[in-house]
Protein backbone atom coordinates (compact mmCIF):
# COMPACT_ATOMS: atom_id res chain seq x y z
CA UNK A 1 0.00 0.00 0.00
CA UNK A 2 1.53 3.40 -1.00
CA UNK A 3 2.54 5.75 1.77
CA UNK A 4 0.15 8.72 2.11
CA UNK A 5 1.40 12.16 1.09
CA UNK A 6 2.08 14.90 3.60
CA UNK A 7 -1.12 16.63 2.47
CA UNK A 8 -3.16 13.47 3.08
CA UNK A 9 -1.63 13.05 6.54
CA UNK A 10 -2.42 16.66 7.43
CA UNK A 11 -5.99 16.28 6.16
CA UNK A 12 -6.48 13.20 8.36
CA UNK A 13 -5.07 15.05 11.37
CA UNK A 14 -7.50 17.91 10.82
CA UNK A 15 -10.34 15.38 10.67
CA UNK A 16 -9.13 13.80 13.92
CA UNK A 17 -9.01 17.23 15.54
CA UNK A 18 -12.56 18.08 14.45
CA UNK A 19 -13.77 14.68 15.71
CA UNK A 20 -12.23 15.29 19.14
CA UNK A 21 -13.52 18.88 19.33
CA UNK A 22 -17.06 17.74 18.50
CA UNK A 23 -17.01 15.12 21.28
CA UNK A 24 -14.79 16.79 23.86
CA UNK A 25 -13.03 13.55 24.79
CA UNK A 26 -12.32 10.33 22.82
CA UNK A 27 -10.48 7.11 23.60
CA UNK A 28 -7.43 6.60 21.39
CA UNK A 29 -8.43 3.04 20.44
CA UNK A 30 -11.78 4.37 19.22
CA UNK A 31 -9.96 6.88 17.02
CA UNK A 32 -7.94 4.09 15.37
CA UNK A 33 -11.19 2.33 14.52
CA UNK A 34 -12.86 5.52 13.32
CA UNK A 35 -10.03 6.48 10.97
CA UNK A 36 -8.83 3.01 9.97
CA UNK A 37 -5.20 3.44 10.93
CA UNK A 38 -2.80 1.58 13.20
CA UNK A 39 -2.37 2.51 16.85
CA UNK A 40 1.20 3.67 16.07
CA UNK A 41 -0.02 5.95 13.28
CA UNK A 42 -2.74 7.42 15.48
CA UNK A 43 -0.22 8.12 18.24
CA UNK A 44 1.95 9.97 15.71
CA UNK A 45 -1.05 12.04 14.62
CA UNK A 46 -2.01 12.84 18.19
CA UNK A 47 1.56 13.66 19.19
CA UNK A 48 1.71 16.16 16.32
CA UNK A 49 -1.61 17.79 17.30
CA UNK A 50 -0.63 17.88 20.97
CA UNK A 51 2.71 19.50 20.13
CA UNK A 52 0.79 22.20 18.26
CA UNK A 53 -1.36 22.72 21.38
CA UNK A 54 -4.54 21.77 19.52
CA UNK A 55 -5.58 18.96 21.84
CA UNK A 56 -4.45 17.33 25.08
CA UNK A 57 -3.16 13.75 24.96
CA UNK A 58 -3.74 11.79 28.15
CA UNK A 59 -3.40 8.14 29.14
CA UNK A 60 -5.44 6.21 26.60
CA UNK A 61 -7.55 9.18 25.59
CA UNK A 62 -7.45 12.70 24.16
CA UNK A 63 -9.46 15.77 25.05
CA UNK A 64 -10.24 19.01 23.25
CA UNK A 65 -7.92 21.74 24.42
CA UNK A 66 -9.91 24.41 26.27
CA UNK A 67 -10.37 28.12 25.71
CA UNK A 68 -7.24 29.77 24.34
CA UNK A 69 -6.09 27.32 21.67
CA UNK A 70 -9.56 26.57 20.40
CA UNK A 71 -10.15 30.31 20.00
CA UNK A 72 -7.44 30.33 17.39
CA UNK A 73 -9.36 27.93 15.14
CA UNK A 74 -11.24 30.00 12.58
CA UNK A 75 -14.59 28.30 13.07
CA UNK A 76 -14.49 29.08 16.82
CA UNK A 77 -13.51 32.74 16.61
CA UNK A 78 -14.93 34.14 13.38
CA UNK A 79 -18.22 35.29 14.91
CA UNK A 80 -16.86 36.41 18.28
CA UNK A 81 -17.06 40.11 19.24
CA UNK A 82 -18.19 41.22 15.78
CA UNK A 83 -19.24 44.78 16.77
CA UNK A 84 -15.85 45.27 18.43
CA UNK A 85 -14.01 43.96 15.37
CA UNK A 86 -15.98 46.36 13.16
CA UNK A 87 -15.04 49.30 15.38
CA UNK A 88 -11.37 48.36 15.35
CA UNK A 89 -11.37 47.82 11.60
CA UNK A 90 -12.90 51.26 11.02
CA UNK A 91 -9.84 52.79 12.70
CA UNK A 92 -7.44 50.44 10.91
CA UNK A 93 -8.99 51.31 7.55
CA UNK A 94 -7.83 54.92 7.98
CA UNK A 95 -4.23 53.70 7.84
CA UNK A 96 -4.57 52.50 4.21
CA UNK A 97 -3.93 54.64 1.13
CA UNK A 98 -4.56 53.93 -2.57
CA UNK A 99 -1.63 52.36 -4.35
CA UNK A 100 -0.14 50.73 -1.26
CA UNK A 101 0.94 47.14 -0.75
CA UNK A 102 -0.81 45.86 2.38
CA UNK A 103 -0.10 42.74 4.43
CA UNK A 104 -2.99 41.29 6.45
CA UNK A 105 -2.54 38.13 8.51
CA UNK A 106 -5.18 35.45 8.98
CA UNK A 107 -6.64 36.85 12.23
CA UNK A 108 -10.45 36.94 12.10
CA UNK A 109 -10.24 40.31 13.89
CA UNK A 110 -9.09 41.68 10.52
CA UNK A 111 -11.86 40.18 8.35
CA UNK A 112 -13.99 43.37 8.59
CA UNK A 113 -10.95 45.41 7.55
CA UNK A 114 -10.40 43.18 4.52
CA UNK A 115 -14.06 43.65 3.50
CA UNK A 116 -13.48 47.40 3.47
CA UNK A 117 -10.28 47.34 1.39
CA UNK A 118 -11.90 47.32 -2.10
CA UNK A 119 -13.28 50.78 -1.31
CA UNK A 120 -9.72 52.14 -1.23
CA UNK A 121 -9.20 51.49 -4.93
CA UNK A 122 -5.87 50.24 -6.27
CA UNK A 123 -4.09 47.99 -3.76
CA UNK A 124 -1.87 44.94 -3.57
CA UNK A 125 -2.90 42.75 -0.63
CA UNK A 126 -0.60 40.04 0.75
CA UNK A 127 -2.15 37.43 3.05
CA UNK A 128 -1.75 33.88 4.31
CA UNK A 129 -5.51 33.56 4.82
CA UNK A 130 -7.63 31.70 2.29
CA UNK A 131 -10.77 33.31 3.70
CA UNK A 132 -9.38 36.81 3.19
CA UNK A 133 -8.40 35.88 -0.36
CA UNK A 134 -11.98 34.69 -0.93
CA UNK A 135 -13.41 37.90 0.52
CA UNK A 136 -11.31 39.98 -1.87
CA UNK A 137 -12.08 37.60 -4.72
CA UNK A 138 -15.79 38.27 -4.27
CA UNK A 139 -14.99 41.95 -4.79
CA UNK A 140 -13.23 41.20 -8.08
CA UNK A 141 -15.53 43.63 -9.89
CA UNK A 142 -13.74 46.43 -8.06
CA UNK A 143 -10.78 47.55 -10.18
CA UNK A 144 -7.23 47.45 -8.98
CA UNK A 145 -7.21 44.87 -6.17
CA UNK A 146 -4.40 42.35 -6.58
CA UNK A 147 -4.15 39.49 -4.07
CA UNK A 148 -0.87 37.69 -3.31
CA UNK A 149 -1.64 34.51 -1.36
CA UNK A 150 1.27 33.13 0.66
CA UNK A 151 1.71 29.39 0.27
CA UNK A 152 2.97 26.87 2.78
CA UNK A 153 1.40 24.21 4.96
CA UNK A 154 -2.37 24.52 4.96
CA UNK A 155 -3.76 24.24 8.50
CA UNK A 156 -7.05 23.77 10.30
CA UNK A 157 -7.17 27.57 10.70
CA UNK A 158 -7.92 27.91 6.94
CA UNK A 159 -4.57 29.55 6.36
CA UNK A 160 -0.95 28.70 5.61
CA UNK A 161 1.98 28.69 7.98
CA UNK A 162 5.46 27.25 8.39
CA UNK A 163 8.89 27.93 6.97
CA UNK A 164 7.67 28.16 3.35
CA UNK A 165 5.11 30.83 4.31
CA UNK A 166 7.71 32.84 6.21
CA UNK A 167 10.18 32.53 3.32
CA UNK A 168 7.57 33.70 0.79
CA UNK A 169 6.74 36.73 2.93
CA UNK A 170 10.46 37.49 3.24
CA UNK A 171 10.60 38.00 -0.54
CA UNK A 172 7.91 40.70 -0.41
CA UNK A 173 7.64 44.21 0.96
CA UNK A 174 4.49 45.89 2.30
CA UNK A 175 3.88 49.58 2.93
CA UNK A 176 1.71 48.71 5.91
CA UNK A 177 1.13 45.44 7.74
CA UNK A 178 -1.83 44.51 9.93
CA UNK A 179 -1.81 41.64 12.41
CA UNK A 180 -3.77 40.74 15.50
CA UNK A 181 -2.67 38.86 18.62
CA UNK A 182 -4.05 35.88 20.48
CA UNK A 183 -2.71 36.99 23.86
CA UNK A 184 -1.13 40.17 25.24
CA UNK A 185 0.03 40.68 28.82
CA UNK A 186 1.85 43.81 30.02
CA UNK A 187 2.78 44.58 26.43
CA UNK A 188 4.24 41.13 25.74
CA UNK A 189 2.87 39.06 22.86
CA UNK A 190 2.06 35.33 22.91
CA UNK A 191 0.65 32.66 20.60
CA UNK A 192 -0.16 28.99 21.27
CA UNK A 193 1.28 27.81 17.91
CA UNK A 194 4.97 28.39 17.13
CA UNK A 195 4.52 28.65 13.35
CA UNK A 196 2.04 31.49 13.70
CA UNK A 197 4.20 33.31 16.22
CA UNK A 198 7.05 33.10 13.69
CA UNK A 199 4.83 34.47 10.92
CA UNK A 200 3.77 37.47 13.01
CA UNK A 201 7.42 38.21 13.74
CA UNK A 202 8.25 37.91 10.03
CA UNK A 203 5.45 40.35 9.18
CA UNK A 204 7.20 43.01 11.26
CA UNK A 205 10.32 42.69 9.13
CA UNK A 206 8.33 42.71 5.87
CA UNK A 207 6.38 45.95 6.44
CA UNK A 208 7.45 49.59 6.52
CA UNK A 209 4.69 50.43 9.02
CA UNK A 210 3.19 47.90 11.41
CA UNK A 211 -0.22 47.99 13.04
CA UNK A 212 -1.43 45.63 15.76
CA UNK A 213 -5.22 45.29 16.05
CA UNK A 214 -6.48 43.53 19.19
CA UNK A 215 -9.75 43.71 21.12
CA UNK A 216 -10.03 43.72 24.91
CA UNK A 217 -10.53 39.95 25.16
CA UNK A 218 -6.90 39.37 24.11
CA UNK A 219 -5.37 41.25 27.04
CA UNK A 220 -4.17 39.95 30.38
CA UNK A 221 -3.56 36.51 28.88
CA UNK A 222 -0.58 34.41 27.88
CA UNK A 223 0.07 31.39 25.65
CA UNK A 224 2.94 28.99 25.07
CA UNK A 225 5.16 31.00 22.71
CA UNK A 226 6.37 34.52 23.47
CA UNK A 227 7.39 36.43 20.34
CA UNK A 228 8.22 39.98 21.37
CA UNK A 229 6.31 43.00 22.60
CA UNK A 230 4.11 45.74 21.22
CA UNK A 231 7.01 48.19 21.20
CA UNK A 232 7.94 46.75 17.79
CA UNK A 233 4.74 48.18 16.29
CA UNK A 234 4.10 51.70 15.08
CA UNK A 235 0.47 51.67 16.17
CA UNK A 236 -1.83 49.54 18.35
CA UNK A 237 -5.60 49.71 17.86
CA UNK A 238 -7.79 48.40 20.68
CA UNK A 239 -11.10 49.26 22.35
CA UNK A 240 -12.19 51.05 25.50
CA UNK A 241 -12.89 47.82 27.38
CA UNK A 242 -9.19 46.95 27.39
CA UNK A 243 -7.88 47.30 30.97
CA UNK A 244 -6.28 50.69 31.65
CA UNK A 245 -3.13 49.06 33.02
CA UNK A 246 -2.65 47.13 29.75
CA UNK A 247 -2.99 50.33 27.71
CA UNK A 248 -0.54 52.08 30.03
CA UNK A 249 1.96 49.21 29.69
CA UNK A 250 1.82 49.49 25.91
CA UNK A 251 2.28 53.25 25.89
CA UNK A 252 5.22 52.84 28.26
CA UNK A 253 6.89 50.83 25.50
CA UNK A 254 6.70 53.88 23.22
CA UNK A 255 3.92 52.74 20.89
CA UNK A 256 0.98 54.92 19.87
CA UNK A 257 -2.33 53.42 21.03
CA UNK A 258 -5.68 54.29 19.44
CA UNK A 259 -8.74 53.32 21.47
CA UNK A 260 -12.07 52.70 19.75
CA UNK A 261 -15.10 53.77 21.78
CA UNK A 262 -17.76 51.08 21.90
CA UNK A 263 -21.39 52.12 22.00
CA UNK A 264 -23.25 50.69 24.97
CA UNK A 265 -26.32 48.65 24.13
CA UNK A 266 -29.56 50.35 25.06
């Protein structure tokens, strides 16, 4: 029987992850039956997913990883805090000018910004997000939008990451780059997945001006991989529910912070 390709292995691992997320907890022997692979192969799959902090491997069973890591999966975070994301994107949109090359990472916080970009006119947009490429593709009737999609290893977050993605970005130059963050504490930045932390760091080097867009839910939290602090950015955009001490910590690092005012519900 021919050995499966890397793409086929990754597809199976994504299916395993979805199966575990849907059930919360699954015995490993049941997974081997469900996916028709050997116990050794399933352990390799689970070890890979556990190393990426996507699930927790225990004795004879696996469980869905709680809160922080699951937030990073697109299907879990796309519809969270939508009014806040719209408010942040309205401020971010003001940083874009016609004719620029813009980098936007795969953070769902930036999806509303991407939907606004065709209104700018002529732009080149670099992204590692397939969803953002689709959003811009639907606006193909608008003249002048060129999309450069970074390749690499396709992941369960509907985007590409890894050394190939970082290398591709390193061959490009953006006038302005927009990224979000999974976790920020006292101005320090964290991500649960090493490849995505590396990509956010690479984006800083690839852009002339760097903008971090993060809502209040991202602050006062940490994750496995630390990748710098907000002092590397030219501008941070957040909202008025972000703790005052977190805003003060960022400003102490010398970065400009814009705060979006959220309208209270009646």
